[in-house]
Amino acid sequence: MKALAGILGGFLIALVGSLGAGVLYGPGPVPPPDRAWWGPVIFIVLFITAVVIATGAPSASTAWRRLLIILAVLWFFTAACLLPVPGLSGPDGRPEPTGTYALISAMLGAIFLAIGFLIGRQRKGANP
């Protein structure tokens, strides 16, 4: 079950991490050739890291806890990357709607953080 948590959670972590890196490093739908390799490399590195973290956990619930907290941190990172910058505008002169996307990313981060703190905790006094 830890391997399944690593694969599913790793895919989610790699997806959100490469999304945040794409927002940070890739301006526009087609990034310049010198930065086009960042997304796939970050995806693969985050996926392998998540699988290693999950398989090294003592139980499947602890693996999910760790992966969900990492996922929440990555959503907060993506929200920070999407915060609107004063004075910047889109190609048509209107301001980019990044504030809405940042709010959605921050809310998803809060949801995954709450779920991560509720899953896999060791209860004191519970019967084994």
N, C-alpha and C. Protein backbone atom coordinates (compact mmCIF):
# COMPACT_ATOMS: atom_id res chain seq x y z
N MET A 1 0.82 -1.20 0.00
CA MET A 1 0.00 0.00 0.00
C MET A 1 0.86 1.26 0.00
N LYS A 2 2.07 1.16 0.59
CA LYS A 2 2.95 2.32 0.56
C LYS A 2 3.41 2.64 -0.86
N ALA A 3 3.61 1.59 -1.65
CA ALA A 3 4.02 1.82 -3.04
C ALA A 3 2.89 2.49 -3.83
N LEU A 4 1.65 2.07 -3.57
CA LEU A 4 0.51 2.70 -4.23
C LEU A 4 0.39 4.16 -3.81
N ALA A 5 0.59 4.44 -2.53
CA ALA A 5 0.58 5.82 -2.05
C ALA A 5 1.69 6.62 -2.72
N GLY A 6 2.85 6.00 -2.87
CA GLY A 6 3.96 6.68 -3.52
C GLY A 6 3.69 6.98 -4.98
N ILE A 7 3.07 6.05 -5.67
CA ILE A 7 2.79 6.26 -7.10
C ILE A 7 1.70 7.31 -7.29
N LEU A 8 0.58 7.18 -6.58
CA LEU A 8 -0.52 8.15 -6.75
C LEU A 8 -0.16 9.51 -6.18
N GLY A 9 0.36 9.51 -4.96
CA GLY A 9 0.77 10.78 -4.35
C GLY A 9 1.94 11.41 -5.09
N GLY A 10 2.84 10.57 -5.58
CA GLY A 10 3.97 11.08 -6.35
C GLY A 10 3.54 11.73 -7.64
N PHE A 11 2.54 11.15 -8.28
CA PHE A 11 2.02 11.75 -9.51
C PHE A 11 1.41 13.12 -9.21
N LEU A 12 0.62 13.22 -8.13
CA LEU A 12 0.01 14.50 -7.78
C LEU A 12 1.07 15.54 -7.42
N ILE A 13 2.06 15.12 -6.63
CA ILE A 13 3.13 16.04 -6.24
C ILE A 13 3.92 16.50 -7.45
N ALA A 14 4.25 15.57 -8.34
CA ALA A 14 5.01 15.93 -9.53
C ALA A 14 4.20 16.86 -10.44
N LEU A 15 2.91 16.63 -10.53
CA LEU A 15 2.06 17.47 -11.37
C LEU A 15 1.99 18.89 -10.83
N VAL A 16 1.74 19.03 -9.54
CA VAL A 16 1.63 20.36 -8.94
C VAL A 16 2.99 21.05 -8.91
N GLY A 17 4.05 20.30 -8.63
CA GLY A 17 5.39 20.90 -8.62
C GLY A 17 5.82 21.39 -9.99
N SER A 18 5.54 20.62 -11.02
CA SER A 18 5.91 21.08 -12.36
C SER A 18 5.00 22.22 -12.81
N LEU A 19 3.77 22.27 -12.31
CA LEU A 19 2.89 23.40 -12.59
C LEU A 19 3.47 24.68 -11.98
N GLY A 20 3.89 24.59 -10.73
CA GLY A 20 4.50 25.75 -10.08
C GLY A 20 5.79 26.17 -10.76
N ALA A 21 6.60 25.21 -11.17
CA ALA A 21 7.84 25.53 -11.87
C ALA A 21 7.54 26.13 -13.24
N GLY A 22 6.50 25.64 -13.89
CA GLY A 22 6.12 26.20 -15.18
C GLY A 22 5.65 27.63 -15.06
N VAL A 23 4.94 27.94 -13.99
CA VAL A 23 4.50 29.32 -13.75
C VAL A 23 5.71 30.20 -13.46
N LEU A 24 6.66 29.66 -12.72
CA LEU A 24 7.81 30.46 -12.32
C LEU A 24 8.82 30.63 -13.45
N TYR A 25 9.09 29.55 -14.20
CA TYR A 25 10.16 29.58 -15.19
C TYR A 25 9.70 29.67 -16.63
N GLY A 26 8.46 29.41 -16.92
CA GLY A 26 8.03 29.38 -18.31
C GLY A 26 7.08 30.49 -18.66
N PRO A 27 7.57 31.61 -19.16
CA PRO A 27 6.65 32.70 -19.51
C PRO A 27 5.93 32.41 -20.81
N GLY A 28 4.64 32.25 -20.75
CA GLY A 28 3.85 32.02 -21.96
C GLY A 28 3.60 30.55 -22.22
N PRO A 29 2.80 30.26 -23.23
CA PRO A 29 2.46 28.87 -23.52
C PRO A 29 3.65 28.06 -24.04
N VAL A 30 4.60 28.70 -24.70
CA VAL A 30 5.78 27.99 -25.20
C VAL A 30 7.00 28.67 -24.60
N PRO A 31 7.65 28.02 -23.61
CA PRO A 31 8.82 28.65 -22.99
C PRO A 31 10.00 28.68 -23.96
N PRO A 32 10.94 29.56 -23.72
CA PRO A 32 12.13 29.60 -24.58
C PRO A 32 12.87 28.27 -24.55
N PRO A 33 13.63 27.95 -25.60
CA PRO A 33 14.29 26.64 -25.66
C PRO A 33 15.27 26.38 -24.52
N ASP A 34 15.87 27.43 -23.96
CA ASP A 34 16.82 27.19 -22.88
C ASP A 34 16.14 26.84 -21.56
N ARG A 35 14.83 27.07 -21.46
CA ARG A 35 14.09 26.70 -20.24
C ARG A 35 13.02 25.65 -20.48
N ALA A 36 12.95 25.08 -21.65
CA ALA A 36 11.88 24.13 -21.97
C ALA A 36 12.06 22.80 -21.25
N TRP A 37 13.23 22.49 -20.77
CA TRP A 37 13.48 21.20 -20.14
C TRP A 37 13.17 21.20 -18.65
N TRP A 38 12.88 22.35 -18.04
CA TRP A 38 12.62 22.41 -16.60
C TRP A 38 11.42 21.59 -16.17
N GLY A 39 10.32 21.69 -16.89
CA GLY A 39 9.09 21.00 -16.50
C GLY A 39 9.23 19.49 -16.39
N PRO A 40 9.69 18.81 -17.46
CA PRO A 40 9.83 17.35 -17.37
C PRO A 40 10.85 16.90 -16.33
N VAL A 41 11.94 17.63 -16.18
CA VAL A 41 12.96 17.24 -15.20
C VAL A 41 12.42 17.38 -13.79
N ILE A 42 11.74 18.47 -13.51
CA ILE A 42 11.15 18.66 -12.18
C ILE A 42 10.08 17.62 -11.92
N PHE A 43 9.29 17.28 -12.93
CA PHE A 43 8.26 16.24 -12.78
C PHE A 43 8.89 14.91 -12.37
N ILE A 44 9.92 14.50 -13.08
CA ILE A 44 10.56 13.20 -12.79
C ILE A 44 11.24 13.21 -11.42
N VAL A 45 11.94 14.29 -11.10
CA VAL A 45 12.63 14.36 -9.80
C VAL A 45 11.63 14.34 -8.65
N LEU A 46 10.55 15.10 -8.76
CA LEU A 46 9.54 15.10 -7.69
C LEU A 46 8.83 13.76 -7.58
N PHE A 47 8.57 13.11 -8.70
CA PHE A 47 7.91 11.80 -8.65
C PHE A 47 8.79 10.78 -7.94
N ILE A 48 10.06 10.72 -8.30
CA ILE A 48 10.98 9.76 -7.67
C ILE A 48 11.14 10.09 -6.19
N THR A 49 11.25 11.37 -5.84
CA THR A 49 11.38 11.76 -4.44
C THR A 49 10.16 11.36 -3.64
N ALA A 50 8.97 11.54 -4.19
CA ALA A 50 7.74 11.18 -3.48
C ALA A 50 7.64 9.67 -3.28
N VAL A 51 8.04 8.89 -4.28
CA VAL A 51 8.00 7.44 -4.14
C VAL A 51 8.98 6.99 -3.06
N VAL A 52 10.15 7.60 -3.00
CA VAL A 52 11.14 7.25 -1.96
C VAL A 52 10.62 7.63 -0.58
N ILE A 53 10.01 8.81 -0.45
CA ILE A 53 9.45 9.24 0.83
C ILE A 53 8.34 8.29 1.27
N ALA A 54 7.48 7.89 0.35
CA ALA A 54 6.35 7.01 0.70
C ALA A 54 6.82 5.62 1.08
N THR A 55 7.76 5.07 0.35
CA THR A 55 8.21 3.71 0.67
C THR A 55 9.06 3.68 1.93
N GLY A 56 9.62 4.81 2.33
CA GLY A 56 10.41 4.86 3.56
C GLY A 56 9.58 5.11 4.81
N ALA A 57 8.29 5.35 4.65
CA ALA A 57 7.41 5.60 5.80
C ALA A 57 7.10 4.30 6.53
N PRO A 58 6.86 4.38 7.84
CA PRO A 58 6.56 3.16 8.59
C PRO A 58 5.22 2.51 8.23
N SER A 59 4.24 3.29 7.78
CA SER A 59 2.94 2.73 7.41
C SER A 59 2.38 3.51 6.22
N ALA A 60 1.34 2.96 5.61
CA ALA A 60 0.72 3.61 4.46
C ALA A 60 0.05 4.92 4.86
N SER A 61 -0.56 4.95 6.04
CA SER A 61 -1.22 6.19 6.46
C SER A 61 -0.20 7.30 6.74
N THR A 62 0.95 6.94 7.28
CA THR A 62 2.01 7.92 7.49
C THR A 62 2.56 8.40 6.15
N ALA A 63 2.65 7.50 5.18
CA ALA A 63 3.11 7.89 3.85
C ALA A 63 2.14 8.90 3.24
N TRP A 64 0.83 8.62 3.34
CA TRP A 64 -0.15 9.57 2.80
C TRP A 64 -0.08 10.90 3.54
N ARG A 65 0.13 10.86 4.85
CA ARG A 65 0.24 12.10 5.62
C ARG A 65 1.40 12.95 5.11
N ARG A 66 2.55 12.34 4.95
CA ARG A 66 3.72 13.07 4.48
C ARG A 66 3.50 13.62 3.07
N LEU A 67 2.93 12.80 2.19
CA LEU A 67 2.73 13.23 0.81
C LEU A 67 1.69 14.34 0.71
N LEU A 68 0.64 14.29 1.49
CA LEU A 68 -0.37 15.33 1.45
C LEU A 68 0.15 16.66 2.00
N ILE A 69 0.99 16.60 3.02
CA ILE A 69 1.57 17.83 3.55
C ILE A 69 2.54 18.44 2.53
N ILE A 70 3.32 17.60 1.86
CA ILE A 70 4.20 18.10 0.80
C ILE A 70 3.37 18.70 -0.34
N LEU A 71 2.27 18.05 -0.68
CA LEU A 71 1.38 18.55 -1.73
C LEU A 71 0.80 19.91 -1.34
N ALA A 72 0.43 20.07 -0.07
CA ALA A 72 -0.09 21.36 0.39
C ALA A 72 0.98 22.45 0.29
N VAL A 73 2.20 22.13 0.65
CA VAL A 73 3.29 23.12 0.55
C VAL A 73 3.50 23.52 -0.91
N LEU A 74 3.43 22.56 -1.82
CA LEU A 74 3.58 22.88 -3.24
C LEU A 74 2.43 23.74 -3.77
N TRP A 75 1.20 23.50 -3.28
CA TRP A 75 0.08 24.36 -3.68
C TRP A 75 0.29 25.78 -3.17
N PHE A 76 0.82 25.93 -1.94
CA PHE A 76 1.11 27.27 -1.42
C PHE A 76 2.22 27.93 -2.24
N PHE A 77 3.21 27.15 -2.66
CA PHE A 77 4.27 27.68 -3.51
C PHE A 77 3.69 28.15 -4.85
N THR A 78 2.80 27.37 -5.41
CA THR A 78 2.16 27.76 -6.67
C THR A 78 1.33 29.03 -6.48
N ALA A 79 0.64 29.14 -5.35
CA ALA A 79 -0.14 30.35 -5.08
C ALA A 79 0.78 31.56 -4.96
N ALA A 80 1.94 31.39 -4.32
CA ALA A 80 2.88 32.51 -4.20
C ALA A 80 3.43 32.92 -5.56
N CYS A 81 3.63 31.95 -6.44
CA CYS A 81 4.12 32.27 -7.79
C CYS A 81 3.05 32.98 -8.62
N LEU A 82 1.79 32.78 -8.29
CA LEU A 82 0.70 33.36 -9.07
C LEU A 82 0.21 34.70 -8.55
N LEU A 83 0.80 35.20 -7.48
CA LEU A 83 0.34 36.48 -6.96
C LEU A 83 0.53 37.58 -8.00
N PRO A 84 -0.45 38.46 -8.12
CA PRO A 84 -0.34 39.50 -9.15
C PRO A 84 0.80 40.48 -8.84
N VAL A 85 1.49 40.88 -9.88
CA VAL A 85 2.57 41.85 -9.77
C VAL A 85 2.06 43.17 -10.32
N PRO A 86 2.10 44.25 -9.54
CA PRO A 86 1.58 45.52 -10.04
C PRO A 86 2.39 46.01 -11.26
N GLY A 87 1.68 46.51 -12.23
CA GLY A 87 2.33 47.06 -13.41
C GLY A 87 2.48 46.08 -14.56
N LEU A 88 2.28 44.78 -14.32
CA LEU A 88 2.37 43.81 -15.40
C LEU A 88 0.99 43.57 -15.99
N SER A 89 0.94 43.39 -17.28
CA SER A 89 -0.34 43.12 -17.93
C SER A 89 -0.15 42.05 -18.99
N GLY A 90 -1.26 41.55 -19.47
CA GLY A 90 -1.24 40.50 -20.48
C GLY A 90 -0.91 41.06 -21.85
N PRO A 91 -0.92 40.19 -22.86
CA PRO A 91 -0.58 40.65 -24.21
C PRO A 91 -1.57 41.66 -24.78
N ASP A 92 -2.81 41.63 -24.32
CA ASP A 92 -3.81 42.56 -24.85
C ASP A 92 -3.93 43.83 -24.01
N GLY A 93 -3.07 44.01 -23.01
CA GLY A 93 -3.08 45.22 -22.20
C GLY A 93 -3.90 45.12 -20.93
N ARG A 94 -4.75 44.11 -20.83
CA ARG A 94 -5.54 43.93 -19.61
C ARG A 94 -4.71 43.21 -18.56
N PRO A 95 -5.01 43.43 -17.27
CA PRO A 95 -4.25 42.72 -16.23
C PRO A 95 -4.54 41.22 -16.26
N GLU A 96 -3.52 40.45 -15.95
CA GLU A 96 -3.68 38.99 -15.91
C GLU A 96 -4.55 38.60 -14.71
N PRO A 97 -5.40 37.58 -14.85
CA PRO A 97 -6.26 37.17 -13.73
C PRO A 97 -5.56 36.22 -12.77
N THR A 98 -4.31 36.52 -12.42
CA THR A 98 -3.55 35.59 -11.59
C THR A 98 -3.99 35.61 -10.13
N GLY A 99 -4.62 36.70 -9.69
CA GLY A 99 -5.09 36.75 -8.30
C GLY A 99 -6.12 35.68 -8.01
N THR A 100 -7.01 35.42 -8.96
CA THR A 100 -8.02 34.38 -8.80
C THR A 100 -7.36 33.00 -8.74
N TYR A 101 -6.40 32.77 -9.61
CA TYR A 101 -5.69 31.49 -9.61
C TYR A 101 -4.89 31.30 -8.33
N ALA A 102 -4.32 32.39 -7.82
CA ALA A 102 -3.57 32.30 -6.56
C ALA A 102 -4.50 31.95 -5.40
N LEU A 103 -5.69 32.52 -5.40
CA LEU A 103 -6.66 32.21 -4.35
C LEU A 103 -7.09 30.74 -4.41
N ILE A 104 -7.34 30.25 -5.62
CA ILE A 104 -7.73 28.84 -5.78
C ILE A 104 -6.59 27.93 -5.33
N SER A 105 -5.36 28.26 -5.67
CA SER A 105 -4.21 27.45 -5.27
C SER A 105 -4.03 27.47 -3.75
N ALA A 106 -4.22 28.63 -3.13
CA ALA A 106 -4.09 28.72 -1.68
C ALA A 106 -5.19 27.91 -0.98
N MET A 107 -6.39 27.93 -1.53
CA MET A 107 -7.47 27.13 -0.94
C MET A 107 -7.19 25.64 -1.07
N LEU A 108 -6.69 25.21 -2.22
CA LEU A 108 -6.33 23.80 -2.37
C LEU A 108 -5.20 23.42 -1.41
N GLY A 109 -4.26 24.33 -1.21
CA GLY A 109 -3.19 24.09 -0.23
C GLY A 109 -3.75 23.91 1.17
N ALA A 110 -4.71 24.75 1.54
CA ALA A 110 -5.32 24.64 2.87
C ALA A 110 -6.10 23.33 3.02
N ILE A 111 -6.79 22.92 1.96
CA ILE A 111 -7.55 21.66 2.01
C ILE A 111 -6.61 20.47 2.17
N PHE A 112 -5.56 20.42 1.36
CA PHE A 112 -4.63 19.30 1.46
C PHE A 112 -3.85 19.31 2.77
N LEU A 113 -3.57 20.50 3.32
CA LEU A 113 -2.90 20.58 4.61
C LEU A 113 -3.80 20.04 5.73
N ALA A 114 -5.07 20.40 5.70
CA ALA A 114 -6.01 19.89 6.72
C ALA A 114 -6.16 18.38 6.61
N ILE A 115 -6.29 17.86 5.40
CA ILE A 115 -6.41 16.41 5.22
C ILE A 115 -5.12 15.72 5.66
N GLY A 116 -3.98 16.31 5.33
CA GLY A 116 -2.70 15.72 5.71
C GLY A 116 -2.51 15.65 7.21
N PHE A 117 -2.98 16.67 7.94
CA PHE A 117 -2.85 16.64 9.40
C PHE A 117 -3.85 15.70 10.05
N LEU A 118 -4.94 15.36 9.36
CA LEU A 118 -5.92 14.45 9.94
C LEU A 118 -5.62 12.98 9.66
N ILE A 119 -4.84 12.70 8.63
CA ILE A 119 -4.55 11.31 8.25
C ILE A 119 -3.24 10.86 8.89
N GLY A 120 -3.24 9.64 9.38
CA GLY A 120 -2.01 9.00 9.81
C GLY A 120 -1.40 9.47 11.10
N ARG A 121 -2.18 10.09 11.96
CA ARG A 121 -1.59 10.52 13.22
C ARG A 121 -1.64 9.39 14.24
N GLN A 122 -0.69 9.39 15.12
CA GLN A 122 -0.61 8.37 16.16
C GLN A 122 -1.43 8.86 17.37
N ARG A 123 -2.46 8.13 17.71
CA ARG A 123 -3.31 8.53 18.83
C ARG A 123 -2.75 7.94 20.11
N LYS A 124 -2.71 8.76 21.15
CA LYS A 124 -2.23 8.29 22.45
C LYS A 124 -3.34 7.52 23.14
N GLY A 125 -3.00 6.39 23.67
CA GLY A 125 -3.96 5.61 24.42
C GLY A 125 -4.86 4.75 23.55
N ALA A 126 -4.66 4.70 22.27
CA ALA A 126 -5.50 3.88 21.41
C ALA A 126 -5.03 2.43 21.48
N ASN A 127 -5.96 1.53 21.36
CA ASN A 127 -5.62 0.11 21.39
C ASN A 127 -4.98 -0.27 20.05
N PRO A 128 -3.90 -1.04 20.07
CA PRO A 128 -3.26 -1.42 18.81
C PRO A 128 -4.04 -2.41 18.00
